Amino acid sequence: MRPPHREMKPGRDLDRLVARKLFISDETKPYSTCPDAASLITLKLGMEGFHFKYDETDGVVLRLSHDDGKEHATAFGETYEEAVCRGALKLYGSDPA
């Protein structure tokens, strides 16, 4: 039986949700502790057009997109793990933002 729906918190809860949504494994540990799972998530995001770059000036990870031959960047998280997690949630329609 599924547990009742509850609000997801940043960090571990979102990591678990992302790992489950991408069918990485049945494990409940965060993907950030599992390099193989993190690599698969990043690969899947890349295939869907999500590319990330760390901006040392602002200390945030940017999501890069290409429209009309120009590169556009959107702030997507303070850490690479957070950006990957947000990207996966947005990709699969679970991002509340």
PDB file of N, CA and C in Angstrom:
ATOM      1  N   MET A   1       0.844  -1.185   0.000  1.00  0.00           N
ATOM      2  CA  MET A   1       0.000   0.000   0.000  1.00  0.00           C
ATOM      3  C   MET A   1       0.885   1.243   0.000  1.00  0.00           C
ATOM      4  N   ARG A   2       0.519   2.234  -0.797  1.00  0.00           N
ATOM      5  CA  ARG A   2       1.292   3.472  -0.887  1.00  0.00           C
ATOM      6  C   ARG A   2       1.054   4.341   0.331  1.00  0.00           C
ATOM      7  N   PRO A   3       2.109   5.000   0.810  1.00  0.00           N
ATOM      8  CA  PRO A   3       1.918   5.933   1.921  1.00  0.00           C
ATOM      9  C   PRO A   3       1.117   7.141   1.451  1.00  0.00           C
ATOM     10  N   PRO A   4       0.435   7.835   2.362  1.00  0.00           N
ATOM     11  CA  PRO A   4      -0.336   9.017   1.955  1.00  0.00           C
ATOM     12  C   PRO A   4       0.585  10.088   1.386  1.00  0.00           C
ATOM     13  N   HIS A   5       0.045  10.894   0.465  1.00  0.00           N
ATOM     14  CA  HIS A   5       0.824  11.968  -0.157  1.00  0.00           C
ATOM     15  C   HIS A   5       1.195  13.003   0.892  1.00  0.00           C
ATOM     16  N   ARG A   6       2.433  13.441   0.843  1.00  0.00           N
ATOM     17  CA  ARG A   6       2.867  14.515   1.729  1.00  0.00           C
ATOM     18  C   ARG A   6       3.738  15.467   0.934  1.00  0.00           C
ATOM     19  N   GLU A   7       3.878  16.669   1.446  1.00  0.00           N
ATOM     20  CA  GLU A   7       4.682  17.667   0.749  1.00  0.00           C
ATOM     21  C   GLU A   7       6.141  17.231   0.722  1.00  0.00           C
ATOM     22  N   MET A   8       6.754  17.339  -0.445  1.00  0.00           N
ATOM     23  CA  MET A   8       8.154  16.952  -0.583  1.00  0.00           C
ATOM     24  C   MET A   8       9.039  18.081  -0.088  1.00  0.00           C
ATOM     25  N   LYS A   9      10.121  17.714   0.591  1.00  0.00           N
ATOM     26  CA  LYS A   9      11.077  18.698   1.077  1.00  0.00           C
ATOM     27  C   LYS A   9      12.333  18.629   0.219  1.00  0.00           C
ATOM     28  N   PRO A  10      13.066  19.750   0.105  1.00  0.00           N
ATOM     29  CA  PRO A  10      14.300  19.723  -0.674  1.00  0.00           C
ATOM     30  C   PRO A  10      15.278  18.716  -0.087  1.00  0.00           C
ATOM     31  N   GLY A  11      16.195  18.257  -0.911  1.00  0.00           N
ATOM     32  CA  GLY A  11      17.220  17.342  -0.424  1.00  0.00           C
ATOM     33  C   GLY A  11      16.836  15.895  -0.606  1.00  0.00           C
ATOM     34  N   ARG A  12      16.922  15.157   0.472  1.00  0.00           N
ATOM     35  CA  ARG A  12      16.757  13.709   0.407  1.00  0.00           C
ATOM     36  C   ARG A  12      15.423  13.276  -0.179  1.00  0.00           C
ATOM     37  N   ASP A  13      14.320  13.900   0.214  1.00  0.00           N
ATOM     38  CA  ASP A  13      13.007  13.491  -0.292  1.00  0.00           C
ATOM     39  C   ASP A  13      12.914  13.637  -1.805  1.00  0.00           C
ATOM     40  N   LEU A  14      13.396  14.764  -2.326  1.00  0.00           N
ATOM     41  CA  LEU A  14      13.342  14.984  -3.773  1.00  0.00           C
ATOM     42  C   LEU A  14      14.266  14.015  -4.496  1.00  0.00           C
ATOM     43  N   ASP A  15      15.429  13.747  -3.917  1.00  0.00           N
ATOM     44  CA  ASP A  15      16.353  12.795  -4.519  1.00  0.00           C
ATOM     45  C   ASP A  15      15.707  11.425  -4.649  1.00  0.00           C
ATOM     46  N   ARG A  16      15.025  10.996  -3.620  1.00  0.00           N
ATOM     47  CA  ARG A  16      14.363   9.690  -3.642  1.00  0.00           C
ATOM     48  C   ARG A  16      13.281   9.652  -4.718  1.00  0.00           C
ATOM     49  N   LEU A  17      12.509  10.725  -4.796  1.00  0.00           N
ATOM     50  CA  LEU A  17      11.441  10.787  -5.788  1.00  0.00           C
ATOM     51  C   LEU A  17      12.006  10.705  -7.203  1.00  0.00           C
ATOM     52  N   VAL A  18      13.074  11.448  -7.452  1.00  0.00           N
ATOM     53  CA  VAL A  18      13.693  11.435  -8.773  1.00  0.00           C
ATOM     54  C   VAL A  18      14.186  10.039  -9.106  1.00  0.00           C
ATOM     55  N   ALA A  19      14.875   9.400  -8.183  1.00  0.00           N
ATOM     56  CA  ALA A  19      15.405   8.061  -8.436  1.00  0.00           C
ATOM     57  C   ALA A  19      14.275   7.086  -8.741  1.00  0.00           C
ATOM     58  N   ARG A  20      13.181   7.190  -8.018  1.00  0.00           N
ATOM     59  CA  ARG A  20      12.054   6.285  -8.257  1.00  0.00           C
ATOM     60  C   ARG A  20      11.386   6.573  -9.597  1.00  0.00           C
ATOM     61  N   LYS A  21      11.210   7.857  -9.919  1.00  0.00           N
ATOM     62  CA  LYS A  21      10.541   8.208 -11.173  1.00  0.00           C
ATOM     63  C   LYS A  21      11.326   7.723 -12.382  1.00  0.00           C
ATOM     64  N   LEU A  22      12.643   7.705 -12.270  1.00  0.00           N
ATOM     65  CA  LEU A  22      13.468   7.269 -13.390  1.00  0.00           C
ATOM     66  C   LEU A  22      13.754   5.774 -13.336  1.00  0.00           C
ATOM     67  N   PHE A  23      13.136   5.066 -12.409  1.00  0.00           N
ATOM     68  CA  PHE A  23      13.305   3.618 -12.291  1.00  0.00           C
ATOM     69  C   PHE A  23      14.765   3.215 -12.159  1.00  0.00           C
ATOM     70  N   ILE A  24      15.515   3.999 -11.402  1.00  0.00           N
ATOM     71  CA  ILE A  24      16.925   3.688 -11.198  1.00  0.00           C
ATOM     72  C   ILE A  24      17.061   2.425 -10.351  1.00  0.00           C
ATOM     73  N   SER A  25      16.347   2.369  -9.259  1.00  0.00           N
ATOM     74  CA  SER A  25      16.395   1.200  -8.379  1.00  0.00           C
ATOM     75  C   SER A  25      15.248   1.286  -7.399  1.00  0.00           C
ATOM     76  N   ASP A  26      15.080   0.230  -6.625  1.00  0.00           N
ATOM     77  CA  ASP A  26      14.029   0.244  -5.598  1.00  0.00           C
ATOM     78  C   ASP A  26      14.551   0.860  -4.313  1.00  0.00           C
ATOM     79  N   GLU A  27      15.835   1.134  -4.265  1.00  0.00           N
ATOM     80  CA  GLU A  27      16.423   1.624  -3.023  1.00  0.00           C
ATOM     81  C   GLU A  27      15.899   3.018  -2.701  1.00  0.00           C
ATOM     82  N   THR A  28      15.839   3.318  -1.423  1.00  0.00           N
ATOM     83  CA  THR A  28      15.326   4.622  -1.013  1.00  0.00           C
ATOM     84  C   THR A  28      16.445   5.601  -0.697  1.00  0.00           C
ATOM     85  N   LYS A  29      17.706   5.183  -0.879  1.00  0.00           N
ATOM     86  CA  LYS A  29      18.785   6.123  -0.586  1.00  0.00           C
ATOM     87  C   LYS A  29      18.834   7.208  -1.656  1.00  0.00           C
ATOM     88  N   PRO A  30      19.301   8.395  -1.317  1.00  0.00           N
ATOM     89  CA  PRO A  30      19.363   9.487  -2.291  1.00  0.00           C
ATOM     90  C   PRO A  30      20.283   9.132  -3.456  1.00  0.00           C
ATOM     91  N   TYR A  31      19.926   9.579  -4.650  1.00  0.00           N
ATOM     92  CA  TYR A  31      20.761   9.271  -5.807  1.00  0.00           C
ATOM     93  C   TYR A  31      22.129   9.906  -5.685  1.00  0.00           C
ATOM     94  N   SER A  32      22.242  11.004  -4.933  1.00  0.00           N
ATOM     95  CA  SER A  32      23.524  11.691  -4.832  1.00  0.00           C
ATOM     96  C   SER A  32      24.568  10.840  -4.121  1.00  0.00           C
ATOM     97  N   THR A  33      24.147   9.791  -3.419  1.00  0.00           N
ATOM     98  CA  THR A  33      25.113   8.901  -2.777  1.00  0.00           C
ATOM     99  C   THR A  33      25.450   7.731  -3.690  1.00  0.00           C
ATOM    100  N   CYS A  34      24.819   7.659  -4.841  1.00  0.00           N
ATOM    101  CA  CYS A  34      25.033   6.551  -5.770  1.00  0.00           C
ATOM    102  C   CYS A  34      25.476   7.120  -7.119  1.00  0.00           C
ATOM    103  N   PRO A  35      26.779   7.094  -7.413  1.00  0.00           N
ATOM    104  CA  PRO A  35      27.271   7.696  -8.661  1.00  0.00           C
ATOM    105  C   PRO A  35      26.620   7.125  -9.917  1.00  0.00           C
ATOM    106  N   ASP A  36      26.348   5.821  -9.937  1.00  0.00           N
ATOM    107  CA  ASP A  36      25.735   5.223 -11.124  1.00  0.00           C
ATOM    108  C   ASP A  36      24.345   5.793 -11.370  1.00  0.00           C
ATOM    109  N   ALA A  37      23.556   5.926 -10.314  1.00  0.00           N
ATOM    110  CA  ALA A  37      22.206   6.465 -10.457  1.00  0.00           C
ATOM    111  C   ALA A  37      22.258   7.924 -10.894  1.00  0.00           C
ATOM    112  N   ALA A  38      23.154   8.700 -10.300  1.00  0.00           N
ATOM    113  CA  ALA A  38      23.284  10.111 -10.675  1.00  0.00           C
ATOM    114  C   ALA A  38      23.689  10.237 -12.142  1.00  0.00           C
ATOM    115  N   SER A  39      24.564   9.352 -12.598  1.00  0.00           N
ATOM    116  CA  SER A  39      24.991   9.386 -13.999  1.00  0.00           C
ATOM    117  C   SER A  39      23.835   9.078 -14.936  1.00  0.00           C
ATOM    118  N   LEU A  40      23.019   8.103 -14.577  1.00  0.00           N
ATOM    119  CA  LEU A  40      21.878   7.754 -15.419  1.00  0.00           C
ATOM    120  C   LEU A  40      20.871   8.892 -15.491  1.00  0.00           C
ATOM    121  N   ILE A  41      20.633   9.538 -14.358  1.00  0.00           N
ATOM    122  CA  ILE A  41      19.700  10.664 -14.332  1.00  0.00           C
ATOM    123  C   ILE A  41      20.228  11.794 -15.212  1.00  0.00           C
ATOM    124  N   THR A  42      21.514  12.103 -15.063  1.00  0.00           N
ATOM    125  CA  THR A  42      22.113  13.170 -15.855  1.00  0.00           C
ATOM    126  C   THR A  42      22.069  12.838 -17.345  1.00  0.00           C
ATOM    127  N   LEU A  43      22.344  11.591 -17.691  1.00  0.00           N
ATOM    128  CA  LEU A  43      22.282  11.157 -19.087  1.00  0.00           C
ATOM    129  C   LEU A  43      20.873  11.315 -19.648  1.00  0.00           C
ATOM    130  N   LYS A  44      19.875  10.890 -18.893  1.00  0.00           N
ATOM    131  CA  LYS A  44      18.479  10.996 -19.329  1.00  0.00           C
ATOM    132  C   LYS A  44      18.096  12.463 -19.536  1.00  0.00           C
ATOM    133  N   LEU A  45      18.506  13.328 -18.604  1.00  0.00           N
ATOM    134  CA  LEU A  45      18.207  14.758 -18.739  1.00  0.00           C
ATOM    135  C   LEU A  45      18.870  15.332 -19.991  1.00  0.00           C
ATOM    136  N   GLY A  46      20.106  14.928 -20.255  1.00  0.00           N
ATOM    137  CA  GLY A  46      20.805  15.404 -21.444  1.00  0.00           C
ATOM    138  C   GLY A  46      20.094  14.996 -22.719  1.00  0.00           C
ATOM    139  N   MET A  47      19.566  13.773 -22.735  1.00  0.00           N
ATOM    140  CA  MET A  47      18.837  13.287 -23.907  1.00  0.00           C
ATOM    141  C   MET A  47      17.549  14.075 -24.123  1.00  0.00           C
ATOM    142  N   GLU A  48      17.010  14.639 -23.049  1.00  0.00           N
ATOM    143  CA  GLU A  48      15.768  15.407 -23.137  1.00  0.00           C
ATOM    144  C   GLU A  48      16.023  16.902 -23.311  1.00  0.00           C
ATOM    145  N   GLY A  49      17.288  17.301 -23.465  1.00  0.00           N
ATOM    146  CA  GLY A  49      17.602  18.695 -23.731  1.00  0.00           C
ATOM    147  C   GLY A  49      17.947  19.533 -22.517  1.00  0.00           C
ATOM    148  N   PHE A  50      18.129  18.905 -21.361  1.00  0.00           N
ATOM    149  CA  PHE A  50      18.527  19.639 -20.165  1.00  0.00           C
ATOM    150  C   PHE A  50      20.045  19.580 -20.041  1.00  0.00           C
ATOM    151  N   HIS A  51      20.696  20.731 -20.071  1.00  0.00           N
ATOM    152  CA  HIS A  51      22.146  20.787 -19.924  1.00  0.00           C
ATOM    153  C   HIS A  51      22.456  21.810 -18.842  1.00  0.00           C
ATOM    154  N   PHE A  52      23.403  21.471 -17.976  1.00  0.00           N
ATOM    155  CA  PHE A  52      23.697  22.319 -16.826  1.00  0.00           C
ATOM    156  C   PHE A  52      25.134  22.814 -16.855  1.00  0.00           C
ATOM    157  N   LYS A  53      25.326  24.008 -16.302  1.00  0.00           N
ATOM    158  CA  LYS A  53      26.647  24.617 -16.234  1.00  0.00           C
ATOM    159  C   LYS A  53      26.728  25.392 -14.920  1.00  0.00           C
ATOM    160  N   TYR A  54      27.842  25.252 -14.207  1.00  0.00           N
ATOM    161  CA  TYR A  54      28.013  25.968 -12.940  1.00  0.00           C
ATOM    162  C   TYR A  54      28.570  27.354 -13.213  1.00  0.00           C
ATOM    163  N   ASP A  55      27.910  28.369 -12.674  1.00  0.00           N
ATOM    164  CA  ASP A  55      28.356  29.754 -12.820  1.00  0.00           C
ATOM    165  C   ASP A  55      29.108  30.143 -11.552  1.00  0.00           C
ATOM    166  N   GLU A  56      30.432  30.225 -11.636  1.00  0.00           N
ATOM    167  CA  GLU A  56      31.241  30.514 -10.452  1.00  0.00           C
ATOM    168  C   GLU A  56      30.988  31.915  -9.914  1.00  0.00           C
ATOM    169  N   THR A  57      30.617  32.844 -10.770  1.00  0.00           N
ATOM    170  CA  THR A  57      30.367  34.217 -10.335  1.00  0.00           C
ATOM    171  C   THR A  57      29.190  34.291  -9.374  1.00  0.00           C
ATOM    172  N   ASP A  58      28.069  33.680  -9.753  1.00  0.00           N
ATOM    173  CA  ASP A  58      26.861  33.738  -8.934  1.00  0.00           C
ATOM    174  C   ASP A  58      26.724  32.551  -7.993  1.00  0.00           C
ATOM    175  N   GLY A  59      27.537  31.511  -8.185  1.00  0.00           N
ATOM    176  CA  GLY A  59      27.451  30.335  -7.327  1.00  0.00           C
ATOM    177  C   GLY A  59      26.173  29.539  -7.518  1.00  0.00           C
ATOM    178  N   VAL A  60      25.633  29.545  -8.728  1.00  0.00           N
ATOM    179  CA  VAL A  60      24.420  28.771  -9.007  1.00  0.00           C
ATOM    180  C   VAL A  60      24.639  27.915 -10.249  1.00  0.00           C
ATOM    181  N   VAL A  61      23.834  26.884 -10.351  1.00  0.00           N
ATOM    182  CA  VAL A  61      23.868  26.033 -11.531  1.00  0.00           C
ATOM    183  C   VAL A  61      22.826  26.550 -12.499  1.00  0.00           C
ATOM    184  N   LEU A  62      23.206  26.690 -13.745  1.00  0.00           N
ATOM    185  CA  LEU A  62      22.316  27.226 -14.760  1.00  0.00           C
ATOM    186  C   LEU A  62      21.833  26.113 -15.671  1.00  0.00           C
ATOM    187  N   ARG A  63      20.585  26.196 -16.065  1.00  0.00           N
ATOM    188  CA  ARG A  63      20.062  25.289 -17.086  1.00  0.00           C
ATOM    189  C   ARG A  63      20.224  26.002 -18.411  1.00  0.00           C
ATOM    190  N   LEU A  64      20.857  25.346 -19.344  1.00  0.00           N
ATOM    191  CA  LEU A  64      21.097  25.953 -20.646  1.00  0.00           C
ATOM    192  C   LEU A  64      20.069  25.469 -21.650  1.00  0.00           C
ATOM    193  N   SER A  65      19.593  26.376 -22.470  1.00  0.00           N
ATOM    194  CA  SER A  65      18.694  26.008 -23.558  1.00  0.00           C
ATOM    195  C   SER A  65      19.117  26.785 -24.794  1.00  0.00           C
ATOM    196  N   HIS A  66      18.778  26.254 -25.934  1.00  0.00           N
ATOM    197  CA  HIS A  66      19.164  26.884 -27.195  1.00  0.00           C
ATOM    198  C   HIS A  66      17.915  27.198 -27.999  1.00  0.00           C
ATOM    199  N   ASP A  67      17.656  28.482 -28.165  1.00  0.00           N
ATOM    200  CA  ASP A  67      16.530  28.936 -28.976  1.00  0.00           C
ATOM    201  C   ASP A  67      17.063  29.921 -30.009  1.00  0.00           C
ATOM    202  N   ASP A  68      16.611  29.784 -31.226  1.00  0.00           N
ATOM    203  CA  ASP A  68      17.024  30.685 -32.302  1.00  0.00           C
ATOM    204  C   ASP A  68      18.544  30.761 -32.434  1.00  0.00           C
ATOM    205  N   GLY A  69      19.225  29.661 -32.147  1.00  0.00           N
ATOM    206  CA  GLY A  69      20.677  29.634 -32.269  1.00  0.00           C
ATOM    207  C   GLY A  69      21.415  30.338 -31.150  1.00  0.00           C
ATOM    208  N   LYS A  70      20.686  30.831 -30.147  1.00  0.00           N
ATOM    209  CA  LYS A  70      21.318  31.519 -29.026  1.00  0.00           C
ATOM    210  C   LYS A  70      21.191  30.670 -27.768  1.00  0.00           C
ATOM    211  N   GLU A  71      22.188  30.793 -26.903  1.00  0.00           N
ATOM    212  CA  GLU A  71      22.158  30.047 -25.648  1.00  0.00           C
ATOM    213  C   GLU A  71      21.514  30.907 -24.564  1.00  0.00           C
ATOM    214  N   HIS A  72      20.544  30.338 -23.866  1.00  0.00           N
ATOM    215  CA  HIS A  72      19.875  31.032 -22.771  1.00  0.00           C
ATOM    216  C   HIS A  72      20.127  30.250 -21.488  1.00  0.00           C
ATOM    217  N   ALA A  73      20.346  30.960 -20.395  1.00  0.00           N
ATOM    218  CA  ALA A  73      20.607  30.300 -19.119  1.00  0.00           C
ATOM    219  C   ALA A  73      19.567  30.719 -18.091  1.00  0.00           C
ATOM    220  N   THR A  74      19.107  29.758 -17.323  1.00  0.00           N
ATOM    221  CA  THR A  74      18.140  30.002 -16.264  1.00  0.00           C
ATOM    222  C   THR A  74      18.700  29.432 -14.975  1.00  0.00           C
ATOM    223  N   ALA A  75      18.669  30.208 -13.888  1.00  0.00           N
ATOM    224  CA  ALA A  75      19.138  29.691 -12.597  1.00  0.00           C
ATOM    225  C   ALA A  75      18.282  28.497 -12.211  1.00  0.00           C
ATOM    226  N   PHE A  76      18.940  27.410 -11.803  1.00  0.00           N
ATOM    227  CA  PHE A  76      18.203  26.183 -11.548  1.00  0.00           C
ATOM    228  C   PHE A  76      18.559  25.531 -10.224  1.00  0.00           C
ATOM    229  N   GLY A  77      19.489  26.080  -9.472  1.00  0.00           N
ATOM    230  CA  GLY A  77      19.829  25.506  -8.175  1.00  0.00           C
ATOM    231  C   GLY A  77      21.169  26.009  -7.685  1.00  0.00           C
ATOM    232  N   GLU A  78      21.407  25.834  -6.390  1.00  0.00           N
ATOM    233  CA  GLU A  78      22.668  26.278  -5.811  1.00  0.00           C
ATOM    234  C   GLU A  78      23.749  25.210  -5.908  1.00  0.00           C
ATOM    235  N   THR A  79      23.356  23.959  -6.108  1.00  0.00           N
ATOM    236  CA  THR A  79      24.314  22.876  -6.283  1.00  0.00           C
ATOM    237  C   THR A  79      23.946  22.096  -7.534  1.00  0.00           C
ATOM    238  N   TYR A  80      24.912  21.349  -8.030  1.00  0.00           N
ATOM    239  CA  TYR A  80      24.657  20.542  -9.220  1.00  0.00           C
ATOM    240  C   TYR A  80      23.579  19.501  -8.936  1.00  0.00           C
ATOM    241  N   GLU A  81      23.644  18.870  -7.755  1.00  0.00           N
ATOM    242  CA  GLU A  81      22.651  17.857  -7.396  1.00  0.00           C
ATOM    243  C   GLU A  81      21.248  18.442  -7.375  1.00  0.00           C
ATOM    244  N   GLU A  82      21.116  19.640  -6.821  1.00  0.00           N
ATOM    245  CA  GLU A  82      19.802  20.290  -6.761  1.00  0.00           C
ATOM    246  C   GLU A  82      19.286  20.584  -8.172  1.00  0.00           C
ATOM    247  N   ALA A  83      20.173  21.049  -9.042  1.00  0.00           N
ATOM    248  CA  ALA A  83      19.760  21.363 -10.412  1.00  0.00           C
ATOM    249  C   ALA A  83      19.320  20.112 -11.157  1.00  0.00           C
ATOM    250  N   VAL A  84      20.069  19.019 -10.992  1.00  0.00           N
ATOM    251  CA  VAL A  84      19.701  17.765 -11.650  1.00  0.00           C
ATOM    252  C   VAL A  84      18.355  17.285 -11.132  1.00  0.00           C
ATOM    253  N   CYS A  85      18.169  17.392  -9.824  1.00  0.00           N
ATOM    254  CA  CYS A  85      16.915  16.965  -9.210  1.00  0.00           C
ATOM    255  C   CYS A  85      15.748  17.807  -9.726  1.00  0.00           C
ATOM    256  N   ARG A  86      15.909  19.116  -9.746  1.00  0.00           N
ATOM    257  CA  ARG A  86      14.842  19.996 -10.245  1.00  0.00           C
ATOM    258  C   ARG A  86      14.561  19.733 -11.725  1.00  0.00           C
ATOM    259  N   GLY A  87      15.611  19.497 -12.487  1.00  0.00           N
ATOM    260  CA  GLY A  87      15.432  19.212 -13.905  1.00  0.00           C
ATOM    261  C   GLY A  87      14.618  17.952 -14.123  1.00  0.00           C
ATOM    262  N   ALA A  88      14.923  16.915 -13.356  1.00  0.00           N
ATOM    263  CA  ALA A  88      14.190  15.659 -13.494  1.00  0.00           C
ATOM    264  C   ALA A  88      12.741  15.821 -13.061  1.00  0.00           C
ATOM    265  N   LEU A  89      12.513  16.564 -11.995  1.00  0.00           N
ATOM    266  CA  LEU A  89      11.139  16.790 -11.538  1.00  0.00           C
ATOM    267  C   LEU A  89      10.345  17.572 -12.580  1.00  0.00           C
ATOM    268  N   LYS A  90      10.966  18.586 -13.169  1.00  0.00           N
ATOM    269  CA  LYS A  90      10.289  19.385 -14.201  1.00  0.00           C
ATOM    270  C   LYS A  90      10.010  18.523 -15.434  1.00  0.00           C
ATOM    271  N   LEU A  91      10.975  17.705 -15.795  1.00  0.00           N
ATOM    272  CA  LEU A  91      10.847  16.832 -16.958  1.00  0.00           C
ATOM    273  C   LEU A  91       9.683  15.860 -16.808  1.00  0.00           C
ATOM    274  N   TYR A  92       9.476  15.368 -15.606  1.00  0.00           N
ATOM    275  CA  TYR A  92       8.430  14.374 -15.378  1.00  0.00           C
ATOM    276  C   TYR A  92       7.160  14.963 -14.780  1.00  0.00           C
ATOM    277  N   GLY A  93       7.045  16.298 -14.779  1.00  0.00           N
ATOM    278  CA  GLY A  93       5.795  16.934 -14.386  1.00  0.00           C
ATOM    279  C   GLY A  93       5.493  16.936 -12.907  1.00  0.00           C
ATOM    280  N   SER A  94       6.517  16.827 -12.054  1.00  0.00           N
ATOM    281  CA  SER A  94       6.272  16.812 -10.614  1.00  0.00           C
ATOM    282  C   SER A  94       6.803  18.054  -9.925  1.00  0.00           C
ATOM    283  N   ASP A  95       7.329  18.996 -10.693  1.00  0.00           N
ATOM    284  CA  ASP A  95       7.904  20.197 -10.094  1.00  0.00           C
ATOM    285  C   ASP A  95       6.793  21.176  -9.759  1.00  0.00           C
ATOM    286  N   PRO A  96       6.641  21.530  -8.465  1.00  0.00           N
ATOM    287  CA  PRO A  96       5.570  22.447  -8.080  1.00  0.00           C
ATOM    288  C   PRO A  96       5.787  23.867  -8.577  1.00  0.00           C
ATOM    289  N   ALA A  97       7.043  24.217  -8.913  1.00  0.00           N
ATOM    290  CA  ALA A  97       7.321  25.590  -9.341  1.00  0.00           C
ATOM    291  C   ALA A  97       6.970  25.806 -10.792  1.00  0.00           C
TER     292      ALA A  97
END
